[in-house]
Amino acid sequence: MTQQEQQVTQQFSGVGERYVAAVARYFEAWNATEEGARGKAVAAAFGEDATYTDPLADVAGHEGLAAAIAGAQAQFPGFVFRQLGGVDGHHDLARFGWELVSVADGSAPVAGFDVVRLAEDGRIWSVCGFLDRVPPAV
């Protein structure tokens, strides 16, 4: 590795941790099943005025996000969201893949890709989600 590459790596090594931490909080929110715990996880992961947009939802704020998460959990009981691959990011943007996995048999009928924008405090300010794999009924 050249000296310039080492300097760039050192400069951005802490930035990557910011993205990873934000995405970890994102999955904690999506996997929180009790209403009180879900509300706390949403507040930890998302800014107060955060927006979430994907092909099936367009919501804003903690209440809207918690309702969208509760709706997904009601539609897929016994499933959890799991990150696919790593988190990639630059500036205040991060992207990552995910899938919805059955706890019972490991099947994953839904998968997608999200791009998030982080606020200065490290919480998510906006989400733009894409669905890559969906069952016919969705």
N, C-alpha and C. Protein backbone atom coordinates (compact mmCIF):
# COMPACT_ATOMS: atom_id res chain seq x y z
N MET A 1 0.85 -1.17 0.00
CA MET A 1 0.00 0.00 0.00
C MET A 1 0.90 1.24 0.00
N THR A 2 0.55 2.18 -0.85
CA THR A 2 1.34 3.40 -0.93
C THR A 2 1.06 4.28 0.29
N GLN A 3 1.91 5.27 0.50
CA GLN A 3 1.73 6.18 1.62
C GLN A 3 0.40 6.94 1.49
N GLN A 4 0.06 7.35 0.27
CA GLN A 4 -1.20 8.06 0.05
C GLN A 4 -2.40 7.16 0.37
N GLU A 5 -2.35 5.90 -0.04
CA GLU A 5 -3.43 4.96 0.27
C GLU A 5 -3.56 4.76 1.77
N GLN A 6 -2.45 4.69 2.48
CA GLN A 6 -2.49 4.55 3.93
C GLN A 6 -3.13 5.76 4.59
N GLN A 7 -2.80 6.96 4.11
CA GLN A 7 -3.38 8.17 4.67
C GLN A 7 -4.89 8.21 4.45
N VAL A 8 -5.33 7.83 3.25
CA VAL A 8 -6.76 7.81 2.95
C VAL A 8 -7.45 6.78 3.83
N THR A 9 -6.86 5.61 3.99
CA THR A 9 -7.43 4.56 4.83
C THR A 9 -7.55 5.04 6.27
N GLN A 10 -6.53 5.68 6.80
CA GLN A 10 -6.57 6.19 8.17
C GLN A 10 -7.62 7.28 8.31
N GLN A 11 -7.72 8.16 7.31
CA GLN A 11 -8.66 9.27 7.36
C GLN A 11 -10.10 8.77 7.41
N PHE A 12 -10.42 7.71 6.66
CA PHE A 12 -11.79 7.26 6.55
C PHE A 12 -12.13 6.03 7.38
N SER A 13 -11.21 5.50 8.17
CA SER A 13 -11.49 4.28 8.93
C SER A 13 -12.60 4.51 9.95
N GLY A 14 -12.61 5.64 10.63
CA GLY A 14 -13.66 5.93 11.59
C GLY A 14 -14.99 6.21 10.94
N VAL A 15 -15.00 6.71 9.72
CA VAL A 15 -16.23 7.02 9.00
C VAL A 15 -17.01 5.73 8.74
N GLY A 16 -16.32 4.65 8.36
CA GLY A 16 -16.99 3.38 8.10
C GLY A 16 -17.72 2.86 9.32
N GLU A 17 -17.15 3.07 10.50
CA GLU A 17 -17.79 2.63 11.74
C GLU A 17 -19.12 3.36 11.95
N ARG A 18 -19.20 4.60 11.53
CA ARG A 18 -20.43 5.39 11.65
C ARG A 18 -21.55 4.74 10.84
N TYR A 19 -21.24 4.31 9.63
CA TYR A 19 -22.24 3.66 8.77
C TYR A 19 -22.67 2.33 9.36
N VAL A 20 -21.71 1.54 9.80
CA VAL A 20 -22.01 0.22 10.36
C VAL A 20 -22.89 0.35 11.59
N ALA A 21 -22.58 1.31 12.45
CA ALA A 21 -23.38 1.51 13.67
C ALA A 21 -24.80 1.94 13.33
N ALA A 22 -24.95 2.84 12.35
CA ALA A 22 -26.28 3.30 11.96
C ALA A 22 -27.11 2.15 11.40
N VAL A 23 -26.50 1.32 10.58
CA VAL A 23 -27.22 0.19 9.98
C VAL A 23 -27.56 -0.85 11.05
N ALA A 24 -26.69 -1.05 12.01
CA ALA A 24 -27.00 -1.98 13.11
C ALA A 24 -28.23 -1.49 13.88
N ARG A 25 -28.30 -0.19 14.16
CA ARG A 25 -29.48 0.35 14.85
C ARG A 25 -30.73 0.22 13.98
N TYR A 26 -30.57 0.37 12.66
CA TYR A 26 -31.67 0.21 11.71
C TYR A 26 -32.28 -1.19 11.86
N PHE A 27 -31.43 -2.22 11.87
CA PHE A 27 -31.93 -3.58 11.99
C PHE A 27 -32.51 -3.85 13.37
N GLU A 28 -31.97 -3.23 14.40
CA GLU A 28 -32.56 -3.38 15.74
C GLU A 28 -34.00 -2.85 15.73
N ALA A 29 -34.22 -1.72 15.05
CA ALA A 29 -35.57 -1.16 14.97
C ALA A 29 -36.50 -2.10 14.19
N TRP A 30 -36.05 -2.59 13.05
CA TRP A 30 -36.90 -3.45 12.22
C TRP A 30 -37.17 -4.80 12.87
N ASN A 31 -36.34 -5.20 13.82
CA ASN A 31 -36.54 -6.50 14.47
C ASN A 31 -37.11 -6.40 15.87
N ALA A 32 -37.39 -5.17 16.35
CA ALA A 32 -38.01 -4.99 17.67
C ALA A 32 -39.49 -5.32 17.56
N THR A 33 -39.95 -6.30 18.30
CA THR A 33 -41.33 -6.77 18.14
C THR A 33 -42.30 -6.20 19.17
N GLU A 34 -41.83 -5.81 20.32
CA GLU A 34 -42.73 -5.23 21.32
C GLU A 34 -42.86 -3.74 21.08
N GLU A 35 -44.08 -3.21 21.23
CA GLU A 35 -44.34 -1.82 20.88
C GLU A 35 -43.40 -0.85 21.59
N GLY A 36 -43.21 -1.00 22.91
CA GLY A 36 -42.34 -0.10 23.66
C GLY A 36 -40.89 -0.20 23.21
N ALA A 37 -40.43 -1.41 23.01
CA ALA A 37 -39.06 -1.61 22.54
C ALA A 37 -38.89 -1.10 21.12
N ARG A 38 -39.91 -1.28 20.29
CA ARG A 38 -39.86 -0.80 18.92
C ARG A 38 -39.74 0.73 18.91
N GLY A 39 -40.53 1.40 19.73
CA GLY A 39 -40.48 2.86 19.80
C GLY A 39 -39.10 3.36 20.20
N LYS A 40 -38.50 2.72 21.19
CA LYS A 40 -37.16 3.11 21.63
C LYS A 40 -36.12 2.84 20.54
N ALA A 41 -36.25 1.71 19.88
CA ALA A 41 -35.30 1.36 18.81
C ALA A 41 -35.43 2.31 17.63
N VAL A 42 -36.66 2.69 17.29
CA VAL A 42 -36.88 3.64 16.20
C VAL A 42 -36.26 4.98 16.57
N ALA A 43 -36.46 5.44 17.80
CA ALA A 43 -35.89 6.72 18.23
C ALA A 43 -34.36 6.69 18.22
N ALA A 44 -33.78 5.54 18.54
CA ALA A 44 -32.32 5.42 18.54
C ALA A 44 -31.75 5.38 17.13
N ALA A 45 -32.51 4.82 16.19
CA ALA A 45 -32.01 4.64 14.84
C ALA A 45 -32.31 5.81 13.90
N PHE A 46 -33.45 6.47 14.12
CA PHE A 46 -33.93 7.48 13.17
C PHE A 46 -34.11 8.84 13.83
N GLY A 47 -33.80 9.89 13.09
CA GLY A 47 -34.11 11.23 13.54
C GLY A 47 -35.61 11.43 13.64
N GLU A 48 -36.03 12.44 14.40
CA GLU A 48 -37.46 12.65 14.64
C GLU A 48 -38.27 12.84 13.37
N ASP A 49 -37.72 13.52 12.38
CA ASP A 49 -38.44 13.79 11.13
C ASP A 49 -37.97 12.88 10.00
N ALA A 50 -37.39 11.76 10.33
CA ALA A 50 -36.86 10.85 9.30
C ALA A 50 -37.97 10.39 8.37
N THR A 51 -37.57 10.12 7.13
CA THR A 51 -38.51 9.60 6.14
C THR A 51 -38.08 8.21 5.70
N TYR A 52 -39.07 7.41 5.31
CA TYR A 52 -38.83 6.06 4.80
C TYR A 52 -39.70 5.89 3.57
N THR A 53 -39.08 5.58 2.44
CA THR A 53 -39.82 5.38 1.20
C THR A 53 -39.33 4.12 0.51
N ASP A 54 -40.25 3.22 0.21
CA ASP A 54 -39.96 2.05 -0.62
C ASP A 54 -41.20 1.82 -1.49
N PRO A 55 -41.24 0.80 -2.33
CA PRO A 55 -42.41 0.62 -3.20
C PRO A 55 -43.73 0.41 -2.46
N LEU A 56 -43.68 0.02 -1.18
CA LEU A 56 -44.90 -0.28 -0.45
C LEU A 56 -45.23 0.72 0.64
N ALA A 57 -44.33 1.65 0.93
CA ALA A 57 -44.54 2.57 2.05
C ALA A 57 -43.89 3.92 1.76
N ASP A 58 -44.49 4.96 2.32
CA ASP A 58 -43.92 6.30 2.26
C ASP A 58 -44.36 6.98 3.55
N VAL A 59 -43.50 6.95 4.57
CA VAL A 59 -43.87 7.44 5.90
C VAL A 59 -42.81 8.40 6.41
N ALA A 60 -43.19 9.15 7.45
CA ALA A 60 -42.27 10.09 8.07
C ALA A 60 -42.49 10.09 9.57
N GLY A 61 -41.42 10.43 10.30
CA GLY A 61 -41.49 10.54 11.75
C GLY A 61 -41.45 9.20 12.45
N HIS A 62 -41.21 9.27 13.74
CA HIS A 62 -41.08 8.05 14.53
C HIS A 62 -42.36 7.21 14.51
N GLU A 63 -43.52 7.87 14.62
CA GLU A 63 -44.78 7.12 14.63
C GLU A 63 -45.01 6.42 13.30
N GLY A 64 -44.75 7.12 12.20
CA GLY A 64 -44.93 6.52 10.88
C GLY A 64 -43.99 5.36 10.65
N LEU A 65 -42.74 5.52 11.09
CA LEU A 65 -41.76 4.44 10.95
C LEU A 65 -42.15 3.23 11.79
N ALA A 66 -42.54 3.47 13.05
CA ALA A 66 -42.94 2.36 13.92
C ALA A 66 -44.15 1.63 13.35
N ALA A 67 -45.09 2.38 12.77
CA ALA A 67 -46.27 1.75 12.17
C ALA A 67 -45.89 0.92 10.95
N ALA A 68 -44.98 1.42 10.12
CA ALA A 68 -44.54 0.65 8.95
C ALA A 68 -43.84 -0.63 9.37
N ILE A 69 -43.02 -0.54 10.40
CA ILE A 69 -42.31 -1.73 10.90
C ILE A 69 -43.31 -2.73 11.47
N ALA A 70 -44.26 -2.25 12.27
CA ALA A 70 -45.29 -3.13 12.83
C ALA A 70 -46.09 -3.80 11.72
N GLY A 71 -46.38 -3.06 10.66
CA GLY A 71 -47.12 -3.62 9.53
C GLY A 71 -46.36 -4.74 8.84
N ALA A 72 -45.06 -4.53 8.64
CA ALA A 72 -44.23 -5.58 8.02
C ALA A 72 -44.17 -6.81 8.90
N GLN A 73 -44.05 -6.59 10.21
CA GLN A 73 -44.00 -7.72 11.14
C GLN A 73 -45.32 -8.47 11.17
N ALA A 74 -46.44 -7.76 11.06
CA ALA A 74 -47.75 -8.41 11.03
C ALA A 74 -47.93 -9.21 9.74
N GLN A 75 -47.39 -8.71 8.64
CA GLN A 75 -47.51 -9.40 7.36
C GLN A 75 -46.61 -10.64 7.32
N PHE A 76 -45.49 -10.60 8.04
CA PHE A 76 -44.53 -11.71 8.04
C PHE A 76 -44.19 -12.12 9.48
N PRO A 77 -45.16 -12.68 10.20
CA PRO A 77 -44.87 -13.11 11.58
C PRO A 77 -43.83 -14.24 11.58
N GLY A 78 -42.95 -14.20 12.55
CA GLY A 78 -41.92 -15.23 12.64
C GLY A 78 -40.74 -15.01 11.71
N PHE A 79 -40.62 -13.80 11.17
CA PHE A 79 -39.51 -13.45 10.28
C PHE A 79 -38.68 -12.35 10.93
N VAL A 80 -37.40 -12.30 10.59
CA VAL A 80 -36.51 -11.24 11.04
C VAL A 80 -35.76 -10.67 9.84
N PHE A 81 -35.40 -9.41 9.96
CA PHE A 81 -34.59 -8.77 8.92
C PHE A 81 -33.12 -9.06 9.20
N ARG A 82 -32.40 -9.42 8.16
CA ARG A 82 -30.97 -9.73 8.29
C ARG A 82 -30.21 -8.99 7.20
N GLN A 83 -29.08 -8.43 7.59
CA GLN A 83 -28.23 -7.72 6.63
C GLN A 83 -27.57 -8.70 5.69
N LEU A 84 -27.49 -8.32 4.42
CA LEU A 84 -26.78 -9.11 3.41
C LEU A 84 -25.52 -8.34 3.03
N GLY A 85 -24.37 -8.93 3.23
CA GLY A 85 -23.12 -8.28 2.86
C GLY A 85 -22.77 -7.15 3.79
N GLY A 86 -21.85 -6.34 3.33
CA GLY A 86 -21.36 -5.23 4.14
C GLY A 86 -22.12 -3.95 3.89
N VAL A 87 -21.68 -2.93 4.59
CA VAL A 87 -22.24 -1.58 4.45
C VAL A 87 -21.21 -0.76 3.68
N ASP A 88 -21.68 -0.05 2.68
CA ASP A 88 -20.81 0.82 1.90
C ASP A 88 -21.30 2.24 2.10
N GLY A 89 -20.38 3.19 2.26
CA GLY A 89 -20.82 4.54 2.46
C GLY A 89 -19.80 5.59 2.09
N HIS A 90 -20.30 6.77 1.88
CA HIS A 90 -19.46 7.95 1.69
C HIS A 90 -20.29 9.17 2.06
N HIS A 91 -19.61 10.22 2.45
CA HIS A 91 -20.26 11.45 2.91
C HIS A 91 -21.31 11.09 3.96
N ASP A 92 -22.56 11.42 3.73
CA ASP A 92 -23.60 11.06 4.70
C ASP A 92 -24.53 9.96 4.17
N LEU A 93 -24.06 9.22 3.16
CA LEU A 93 -24.86 8.16 2.54
C LEU A 93 -24.28 6.79 2.82
N ALA A 94 -25.16 5.82 3.01
CA ALA A 94 -24.74 4.43 3.17
C ALA A 94 -25.73 3.55 2.42
N ARG A 95 -25.23 2.41 1.94
CA ARG A 95 -26.09 1.45 1.26
C ARG A 95 -25.78 0.05 1.76
N PHE A 96 -26.82 -0.79 1.72
CA PHE A 96 -26.67 -2.16 2.21
C PHE A 96 -27.83 -3.00 1.71
N GLY A 97 -27.59 -4.29 1.63
CA GLY A 97 -28.62 -5.24 1.26
C GLY A 97 -29.20 -5.90 2.49
N TRP A 98 -30.38 -6.45 2.34
CA TRP A 98 -31.05 -7.13 3.46
C TRP A 98 -31.98 -8.20 2.91
N GLU A 99 -32.39 -9.09 3.81
CA GLU A 99 -33.41 -10.07 3.47
C GLU A 99 -34.27 -10.33 4.69
N LEU A 100 -35.48 -10.78 4.44
CA LEU A 100 -36.43 -11.12 5.49
C LEU A 100 -36.42 -12.64 5.61
N VAL A 101 -36.00 -13.13 6.78
CA VAL A 101 -35.71 -14.56 6.95
C VAL A 101 -36.66 -15.19 7.97
N SER A 102 -37.19 -16.35 7.62
CA SER A 102 -38.04 -17.12 8.52
C SER A 102 -37.19 -17.73 9.64
N VAL A 103 -37.62 -17.49 10.87
CA VAL A 103 -36.92 -18.08 12.02
C VAL A 103 -37.12 -19.60 12.00
N ALA A 104 -38.26 -20.06 11.51
CA ALA A 104 -38.60 -21.49 11.53
C ALA A 104 -37.78 -22.31 10.54
N ASP A 105 -37.66 -21.83 9.28
CA ASP A 105 -37.01 -22.69 8.29
C ASP A 105 -35.88 -22.02 7.50
N GLY A 106 -35.59 -20.76 7.80
CA GLY A 106 -34.49 -20.08 7.13
C GLY A 106 -34.79 -19.57 5.74
N SER A 107 -36.03 -19.75 5.28
CA SER A 107 -36.37 -19.24 3.95
C SER A 107 -36.35 -17.71 3.97
N ALA A 108 -36.09 -17.12 2.83
CA ALA A 108 -36.01 -15.66 2.74
C ALA A 108 -36.79 -15.19 1.51
N PRO A 109 -38.11 -15.05 1.65
CA PRO A 109 -38.93 -14.70 0.49
C PRO A 109 -38.80 -13.25 0.02
N VAL A 110 -38.28 -12.39 0.88
CA VAL A 110 -38.18 -10.98 0.54
C VAL A 110 -36.74 -10.52 0.73
N ALA A 111 -36.24 -9.77 -0.22
CA ALA A 111 -34.89 -9.20 -0.12
C ALA A 111 -34.89 -7.84 -0.79
N GLY A 112 -33.99 -6.99 -0.35
CA GLY A 112 -33.93 -5.67 -0.94
C GLY A 112 -32.61 -4.99 -0.68
N PHE A 113 -32.61 -3.72 -0.99
CA PHE A 113 -31.42 -2.89 -0.94
C PHE A 113 -31.86 -1.51 -0.50
N ASP A 114 -31.22 -0.95 0.51
CA ASP A 114 -31.59 0.36 1.01
C ASP A 114 -30.42 1.33 0.93
N VAL A 115 -30.75 2.58 0.71
CA VAL A 115 -29.80 3.68 0.76
C VAL A 115 -30.30 4.62 1.85
N VAL A 116 -29.44 4.92 2.81
CA VAL A 116 -29.82 5.80 3.91
C VAL A 116 -28.94 7.05 3.91
N ARG A 117 -29.53 8.13 4.38
CA ARG A 117 -28.79 9.37 4.57
C ARG A 117 -28.73 9.60 6.08
N LEU A 118 -27.54 9.87 6.58
CA LEU A 118 -27.36 10.06 8.01
C LEU A 118 -27.38 11.53 8.39
N ALA A 119 -27.96 11.82 9.53
CA ALA A 119 -27.92 13.16 10.10
C ALA A 119 -26.58 13.33 10.82
N GLU A 120 -26.31 14.54 11.26
CA GLU A 120 -25.05 14.81 11.95
C GLU A 120 -24.88 13.98 13.20
N ASP A 121 -25.99 13.64 13.88
CA ASP A 121 -25.89 12.86 15.12
C ASP A 121 -25.72 11.36 14.86
N GLY A 122 -25.64 10.96 13.58
CA GLY A 122 -25.42 9.56 13.25
C GLY A 122 -26.70 8.76 13.06
N ARG A 123 -27.83 9.36 13.41
CA ARG A 123 -29.09 8.66 13.17
C ARG A 123 -29.50 8.83 11.72
N ILE A 124 -30.40 7.98 11.28
CA ILE A 124 -30.85 8.00 9.89
C ILE A 124 -31.85 9.13 9.70
N TRP A 125 -31.63 9.89 8.64
CA TRP A 125 -32.48 11.02 8.29
C TRP A 125 -33.47 10.62 7.20
N SER A 126 -33.04 9.74 6.28
CA SER A 126 -33.94 9.26 5.24
C SER A 126 -33.52 7.88 4.76
N VAL A 127 -34.50 7.13 4.29
CA VAL A 127 -34.28 5.80 3.72
C VAL A 127 -34.98 5.75 2.37
N CYS A 128 -34.27 5.26 1.37
CA CYS A 128 -34.85 4.97 0.07
C CYS A 128 -34.63 3.48 -0.15
N GLY A 129 -35.71 2.71 -0.12
CA GLY A 129 -35.61 1.26 -0.20
C GLY A 129 -36.08 0.71 -1.53
N PHE A 130 -35.46 -0.40 -1.91
CA PHE A 130 -35.81 -1.10 -3.14
C PHE A 130 -36.03 -2.56 -2.82
N LEU A 131 -37.03 -3.15 -3.44
CA LEU A 131 -37.32 -4.57 -3.26
C LEU A 131 -36.77 -5.35 -4.44
N ASP A 132 -35.90 -6.29 -4.16
CA ASP A 132 -35.28 -7.11 -5.21
C ASP A 132 -35.99 -8.45 -5.39
N ARG A 133 -36.56 -8.95 -4.29
CA ARG A 133 -37.25 -10.25 -4.34
C ARG A 133 -38.47 -10.15 -3.45
N VAL A 134 -39.65 -10.44 -4.00
CA VAL A 134 -40.88 -10.42 -3.24
C VAL A 134 -41.73 -11.63 -3.62
N PRO A 135 -42.50 -12.14 -2.66
CA PRO A 135 -43.41 -13.24 -3.01
C PRO A 135 -44.55 -12.69 -3.85
N PRO A 136 -45.22 -13.53 -4.62
CA PRO A 136 -46.29 -13.07 -5.52
C PRO A 136 -47.41 -12.30 -4.84
N ALA A 137 -47.69 -12.56 -3.57
CA ALA A 137 -48.82 -11.91 -2.88
C ALA A 137 -48.50 -10.50 -2.40
N VAL A 138 -47.24 -10.05 -2.44
CA VAL A 138 -46.89 -8.74 -1.91
C VAL A 138 -47.17 -7.66 -2.92
